[in-house]
Amino acid sequence: MRFHQAIQFIPLNEVVSLTTVSDTLGYSGVYLSDHLFNPKELKSRYTYSKAPDGAPPWEKGTEWPDPMCLISALSAVTTNVTFTTGIYIAPVRDLITVAKSVGTAAVLSDNRVRLGVGVGWCEEEYVQTGQDFRTRGKRLNDMIPALRALWQGGWVEYHGSHYDVPSCQMNPAPTLPVPILGGGDSEPALLRASTLCDGWINTGAALPDEAFAQVAKVTDALKRAGRENEPFSIYLAVKAFPDLDLYRRLEDAGVTDLLCAPWMAVQAKEGDTPESIHTKRMAVVKQFAEHFIATMV
């Protein structure tokens, strides 16, 4: 099992040090989230909200650095970790912009990008980018093979149901295929992941029983698609205290990649400074690597 450090919600000025430390401790990768902005007036309901009004659990002032910009910066100071987006809201952008920015990040990171994609839930973002919210799922289904075509290098073209690209060159092009992971546990999302993608990501941490049920749905979808014997990554975030036995059972169930954020266990106390909090976070990240990652290898 591979372990990925989730870096969303940590202060942006700590992201570089958290990533470089993770790069040396055995973490397989870091995990980045994506939003374009925080709407002041939000009418869309967050898919996994527990609030009566459907609001997401994060603050309106939450930072959302562009994932591809962040990957490009972090890849320059690391050697080992991969960079997985969970999830990159691809259909809120046009095809060419996605192909160009992701492809360039893949080149700059020496093929360490893992593109987790999904349709998102925030209609306000779609309105501002001029993309159709209602067709986002169908467009993503067509965007996935289109991206693969555009990243081949040389003169390429694509003719699909929603995208039609005449012969063009998109340079630089990744020298290896960019793995594409489908996010979400709805039936359309599972169908997309099992038929069009190289892996699957659950969105939102699941309780252990829910996590095992999700994995079972994914493996069943792969069987229906006739892909049960093909290489396929299953990324999972589980809402539970670190537990070696749980991790081993998840691995046995088919989970290949576990999303974790041990730094979140550090709670600020009276008298703490930003520097002391950061030091505590790095210590917890190291302890997790020693107690769990090294044991699972």
Protein backbone atom coordinates (compact mmCIF):
# COMPACT_ATOMS: atom_id res chain seq x y z
CA MET A 1 0.00 0.00 0.00
CA ARG A 2 1.16 3.50 -0.86
CA PHE A 3 0.55 6.44 1.50
CA HIS A 4 -0.23 9.94 0.22
CA GLN A 5 0.05 13.08 2.33
CA ALA A 6 -3.01 15.31 1.95
CA ILE A 7 -1.83 18.92 1.90
CA GLN A 8 -5.12 20.79 1.48
CA PHE A 9 -6.09 23.03 4.44
CA ILE A 10 -2.54 23.35 5.79
CA PRO A 11 -1.32 26.98 5.58
CA LEU A 12 0.20 27.60 2.18
CA ASN A 13 3.49 28.76 3.71
CA GLU A 14 3.92 25.27 5.21
CA VAL A 15 3.20 23.29 2.07
CA VAL A 16 6.77 23.23 0.73
CA SER A 17 8.32 22.01 3.99
CA LEU A 18 5.57 19.41 4.52
CA THR A 19 6.10 18.09 1.00
CA THR A 20 9.89 18.00 1.16
CA VAL A 21 9.77 16.19 4.51
CA SER A 22 7.28 13.69 3.10
CA ASP A 23 9.58 13.16 0.13
CA THR A 24 12.29 11.82 2.45
CA LEU A 25 10.12 9.75 4.82
CA GLY A 26 8.62 7.16 2.51
CA TYR A 27 5.34 8.83 1.61
CA SER A 28 4.56 7.85 -1.96
CA GLY A 29 2.93 11.12 -2.85
CA VAL A 30 1.03 14.22 -1.90
CA TYR A 31 -2.65 14.83 -2.52
CA LEU A 32 -4.03 18.18 -3.71
CA SER A 33 -7.58 19.49 -3.95
CA ASP A 34 -9.11 21.94 -6.39
CA HIS A 35 -11.54 24.86 -6.40
CA LEU A 36 -11.38 28.06 -8.42
CA PHE A 37 -12.80 30.40 -5.77
CA ASN A 38 -15.07 30.65 -2.72
CA PRO A 39 -18.45 32.16 -3.67
CA LYS A 40 -19.70 34.72 -1.15
CA GLU A 41 -23.26 33.76 -2.00
CA LEU A 42 -23.33 29.97 -2.37
CA LYS A 43 -26.53 28.35 -3.59
CA SER A 44 -25.05 24.99 -4.65
CA ARG A 45 -25.25 22.21 -2.10
CA TYR A 46 -22.01 20.43 -1.23
CA THR A 47 -22.51 16.76 -2.04
CA TYR A 48 -21.26 15.47 1.32
CA SER A 49 -22.54 18.29 3.54
CA LYS A 50 -23.95 17.51 6.98
CA ALA A 51 -25.25 21.06 7.39
CA PRO A 52 -28.97 21.82 6.93
CA ASP A 53 -28.16 24.45 4.31
CA GLY A 54 -25.79 22.17 2.40
CA ALA A 55 -22.73 24.30 3.07
CA PRO A 56 -19.27 22.68 2.82
CA PRO A 57 -17.33 22.18 6.07
CA TRP A 58 -14.46 24.56 5.25
CA GLU A 59 -14.27 28.29 5.89
CA LYS A 60 -15.08 30.75 3.11
CA GLY A 61 -11.55 32.13 3.33
CA THR A 62 -9.94 28.75 2.61
CA GLU A 63 -7.01 28.93 0.20
CA TRP A 64 -7.27 26.96 -3.04
CA PRO A 65 -3.95 27.29 -4.91
CA ASP A 66 -4.10 26.15 -8.50
CA PRO A 67 -3.10 22.46 -8.42
CA MET A 68 -0.92 22.54 -11.54
CA CYS A 69 0.94 25.65 -10.39
CA LEU A 70 1.50 24.02 -7.01
CA ILE A 71 2.65 20.73 -8.55
CA SER A 72 5.13 22.57 -10.76
CA ALA A 73 6.58 24.36 -7.73
CA LEU A 74 6.71 21.30 -5.47
CA SER A 75 8.21 19.04 -8.12
CA ALA A 76 11.22 21.37 -8.30
CA VAL A 77 12.14 20.66 -4.66
CA THR A 78 11.31 16.93 -4.50
CA THR A 79 12.49 13.74 -6.12
CA ASN A 80 10.28 10.84 -5.10
CA VAL A 81 6.69 11.85 -4.36
CA THR A 82 3.96 11.76 -6.96
CA PHE A 83 1.26 14.43 -7.14
CA THR A 84 -2.38 13.31 -7.20
CA THR A 85 -5.29 15.68 -7.61
CA GLY A 86 -8.36 14.77 -5.63
CA ILE A 87 -10.18 15.94 -7.39
CA TYR A 88 -9.37 18.23 -10.32
CA ILE A 89 -12.65 19.65 -11.63
CA ALA A 90 -11.70 19.20 -15.26
CA PRO A 91 -15.03 20.06 -16.97
CA VAL A 92 -15.19 23.47 -15.28
CA ARG A 93 -12.35 24.31 -17.68
CA ASP A 94 -12.09 23.98 -21.44
CA LEU A 95 -10.33 20.95 -22.89
CA ILE A 96 -7.30 22.76 -24.31
CA THR A 97 -6.57 24.58 -21.05
CA VAL A 98 -6.71 21.31 -19.11
CA ALA A 99 -4.51 19.49 -21.62
CA LYS A 100 -1.93 22.28 -21.66
CA SER A 101 -1.66 22.92 -17.91
CA VAL A 102 -1.72 19.27 -16.83
CA GLY A 103 0.63 18.20 -19.60
CA THR A 104 3.15 20.91 -18.72
CA ALA A 105 3.01 19.99 -15.01
CA ALA A 106 3.59 16.35 -15.96
CA VAL A 107 6.68 17.31 -17.96
CA LEU A 108 8.10 19.59 -15.25
CA SER A 109 7.55 16.93 -12.58
CA ASP A 110 9.21 14.20 -14.66
CA ASN A 111 5.92 12.31 -15.12
CA ARG A 112 4.88 12.41 -11.46
CA VAL A 113 1.34 13.74 -12.02
CA ARG A 114 -1.65 11.50 -11.25
CA LEU A 115 -4.78 13.26 -12.50
CA GLY A 116 -7.79 12.56 -10.32
CA VAL A 117 -10.85 14.06 -12.04
CA GLY A 118 -14.48 14.61 -11.21
CA VAL A 119 -17.46 16.75 -12.15
CA GLY A 120 -17.60 18.86 -8.99
CA TRP A 121 -20.71 20.24 -7.32
CA CYS A 122 -20.35 24.05 -7.32
CA GLU A 123 -22.42 25.51 -10.15
CA GLU A 124 -21.15 29.00 -9.34
CA GLU A 125 -17.69 28.03 -10.63
CA TYR A 126 -19.16 26.79 -13.92
CA VAL A 127 -21.09 30.01 -14.40
CA GLN A 128 -17.92 32.10 -14.11
CA THR A 129 -15.92 29.96 -16.56
CA GLY A 130 -18.74 29.73 -19.09
CA GLN A 131 -18.91 25.93 -19.00
CA ASP A 132 -22.23 24.04 -18.99
CA PHE A 133 -22.94 22.65 -15.52
CA ARG A 134 -25.69 20.33 -16.76
CA THR A 135 -23.48 18.47 -19.26
CA ARG A 136 -20.39 18.25 -17.06
CA GLY A 137 -20.53 14.46 -16.68
CA LYS A 138 -20.91 13.74 -20.39
CA ARG A 139 -18.20 16.25 -21.22
CA LEU A 140 -15.80 14.68 -18.73
CA ASN A 141 -16.43 11.27 -20.29
CA ASP A 142 -15.38 12.71 -23.63
CA MET A 143 -12.56 14.79 -22.17
CA ILE A 144 -10.69 11.77 -20.77
CA PRO A 145 -9.91 10.12 -24.14
CA ALA A 146 -9.38 13.56 -25.66
CA LEU A 147 -6.67 14.32 -23.11
CA ARG A 148 -4.94 11.03 -23.81
CA ALA A 149 -4.92 11.87 -27.52
CA LEU A 150 -3.59 15.40 -27.03
CA TRP A 151 -0.75 14.20 -24.79
CA GLN A 152 0.67 11.78 -27.36
CA GLY A 153 3.07 14.34 -28.80
CA GLY A 154 3.60 15.33 -32.41
CA TRP A 155 0.65 16.11 -34.66
CA VAL A 156 -2.51 14.96 -32.90
CA GLU A 157 -6.24 15.39 -33.31
CA TYR A 158 -9.43 14.28 -31.59
CA HIS A 159 -13.02 13.94 -32.76
CA GLY A 160 -15.54 13.05 -30.07
CA SER A 161 -19.09 13.68 -28.94
CA HIS A 162 -18.35 17.01 -27.23
CA TYR A 163 -14.85 17.96 -28.35
CA ASP A 164 -13.51 18.29 -31.86
CA VAL A 165 -9.84 19.21 -32.18
CA PRO A 166 -8.21 19.50 -35.62
CA SER A 167 -4.63 18.40 -36.17
CA CYS A 168 -2.31 20.33 -33.85
CA GLN A 169 0.84 20.05 -31.79
CA MET A 170 0.67 20.44 -28.02
CA ASN A 171 4.22 20.76 -26.81
CA PRO A 172 5.75 19.96 -24.44
CA ALA A 173 4.08 16.56 -24.21
CA PRO A 174 4.48 14.08 -21.34
CA THR A 175 6.92 11.30 -22.17
CA LEU A 176 4.77 8.77 -20.29
CA PRO A 177 0.97 8.43 -20.11
CA VAL A 178 -0.59 10.51 -17.33
CA PRO A 179 -2.66 8.16 -15.13
CA ILE A 180 -6.25 9.37 -14.87
CA LEU A 181 -8.30 8.50 -11.79
CA GLY A 182 -12.06 8.87 -11.57
CA GLY A 183 -13.45 10.45 -8.42
CA GLY A 184 -16.82 9.87 -6.76
CA ASP A 185 -19.04 7.01 -5.65
CA SER A 186 -22.23 7.72 -7.61
CA GLU A 187 -23.20 5.19 -10.28
CA PRO A 188 -22.11 7.47 -13.16
CA ALA A 189 -18.79 8.14 -11.39
CA LEU A 190 -18.16 4.43 -10.81
CA LEU A 191 -19.01 3.66 -14.43
CA ARG A 192 -16.62 6.40 -15.59
CA ALA A 193 -13.79 5.14 -13.40
CA SER A 194 -14.25 1.48 -14.27
CA THR A 195 -14.48 2.00 -18.03
CA LEU A 196 -12.39 5.08 -18.82
CA CYS A 197 -9.85 5.53 -16.03
CA ASP A 198 -6.72 3.99 -14.55
CA GLY A 199 -8.02 4.15 -11.00
CA TRP A 200 -10.66 5.48 -8.59
CA ILE A 201 -10.67 7.95 -5.70
CA ASN A 202 -13.33 8.25 -3.02
CA THR A 203 -14.31 11.84 -2.34
CA GLY A 204 -14.65 12.66 1.34
CA ALA A 205 -13.30 10.43 4.09
CA ALA A 206 -15.49 7.40 4.75
CA LEU A 207 -16.02 5.52 7.99
CA PRO A 208 -14.41 2.05 7.89
CA ASP A 209 -17.61 0.13 7.11
CA GLU A 210 -18.48 2.64 4.40
CA ALA A 211 -14.95 2.42 3.01
CA PHE A 212 -15.11 -1.36 2.60
CA ALA A 213 -18.53 -1.01 0.94
CA GLN A 214 -17.13 1.58 -1.46
CA VAL A 215 -14.22 -0.67 -2.42
CA ALA A 216 -16.63 -3.56 -3.01
CA LYS A 217 -18.66 -1.35 -5.38
CA VAL A 218 -15.52 -0.44 -7.29
CA THR A 219 -14.35 -4.02 -7.66
CA ASP A 220 -17.85 -5.03 -8.77
CA ALA A 221 -17.88 -2.23 -11.37
CA LEU A 222 -14.51 -3.43 -12.67
CA LYS A 223 -15.86 -6.96 -13.04
CA ARG A 224 -18.86 -5.69 -14.99
CA ALA A 225 -16.45 -3.80 -17.25
CA GLY A 226 -14.31 -6.90 -17.73
CA ARG A 227 -11.30 -5.21 -16.16
CA GLU A 228 -10.94 -7.11 -12.89
CA ASN A 229 -7.53 -8.47 -13.94
CA GLU A 230 -6.13 -5.17 -15.23
CA PRO A 231 -3.87 -2.87 -13.18
CA PHE A 232 -6.14 -0.40 -11.39
CA SER A 233 -5.43 1.96 -8.49
CA ILE A 234 -7.91 2.44 -5.65
CA TYR A 235 -7.31 5.57 -3.57
CA LEU A 236 -9.13 5.80 -0.27
CA ALA A 237 -9.51 8.27 2.58
CA VAL A 238 -10.84 6.63 5.72
CA LYS A 239 -12.22 8.45 8.74
CA ALA A 240 -10.55 6.55 11.59
CA PHE A 241 -7.63 6.81 13.97
CA PRO A 242 -4.42 5.38 12.48
CA ASP A 243 -4.71 1.61 12.74
CA LEU A 244 -2.26 -0.86 11.25
CA ASP A 245 -4.76 -3.72 11.27
CA LEU A 246 -7.34 -1.57 9.47
CA TYR A 247 -4.79 -0.58 6.84
CA ARG A 248 -3.88 -4.21 6.22
CA ARG A 249 -7.52 -5.21 5.86
CA LEU A 250 -8.08 -2.38 3.40
CA GLU A 251 -5.06 -3.52 1.41
CA ASP A 252 -6.42 -7.06 1.34
CA ALA A 253 -9.74 -5.67 0.08
CA GLY A 254 -7.99 -4.04 -2.87
CA VAL A 255 -6.96 -0.58 -1.70
CA THR A 256 -3.65 0.38 -3.32
CA ASP A 257 -3.28 3.96 -2.07
CA LEU A 258 -4.26 5.46 1.29
CA LEU A 259 -4.82 9.18 1.78
CA CYS A 260 -3.65 10.47 5.15
CA ALA A 261 -3.08 13.76 6.95
CA PRO A 262 -1.32 13.03 10.26
CA TRP A 263 -0.44 16.72 10.65
CA MET A 264 -4.14 17.44 11.28
CA ALA A 265 -3.85 15.74 14.67
CA VAL A 266 -1.92 18.75 16.01
CA GLN A 267 -4.25 21.14 17.81
CA ALA A 268 -3.08 24.64 18.62
CA LYS A 269 -2.78 25.36 22.35
CA GLU A 270 -2.44 28.56 24.30
CA GLY A 271 1.05 29.96 23.88
CA ASP A 272 1.74 28.12 20.62
CA THR A 273 3.32 30.11 17.81
CA PRO A 274 3.03 29.32 14.10
CA GLU A 275 6.61 28.05 14.27
CA SER A 276 5.96 25.72 17.22
CA ILE A 277 2.78 24.37 15.62
CA HIS A 278 4.69 23.66 12.42
CA THR A 279 7.42 21.85 14.37
CA LYS A 280 4.81 19.67 16.07
CA ARG A 281 3.19 18.88 12.76
CA MET A 282 6.46 17.75 11.23
CA ALA A 283 7.11 15.53 14.24
CA VAL A 284 3.72 13.84 13.86
CA VAL A 285 4.30 13.34 10.13
CA LYS A 286 7.60 11.62 10.94
CA GLN A 287 6.03 9.43 13.64
CA PHE A 288 3.30 8.29 11.26
CA ALA A 289 5.91 7.32 8.68
CA GLU A 290 7.90 5.34 11.24
CA HIS A 291 4.92 3.55 12.81
CA PHE A 292 2.81 2.83 9.74
CA ILE A 293 4.52 3.41 6.39
CA ALA A 294 7.74 1.62 7.31
CA THR A 295 5.72 -1.27 8.74
CA MET A 296 3.52 -1.65 5.67
CA VAL A 297 6.39 -1.64 3.18
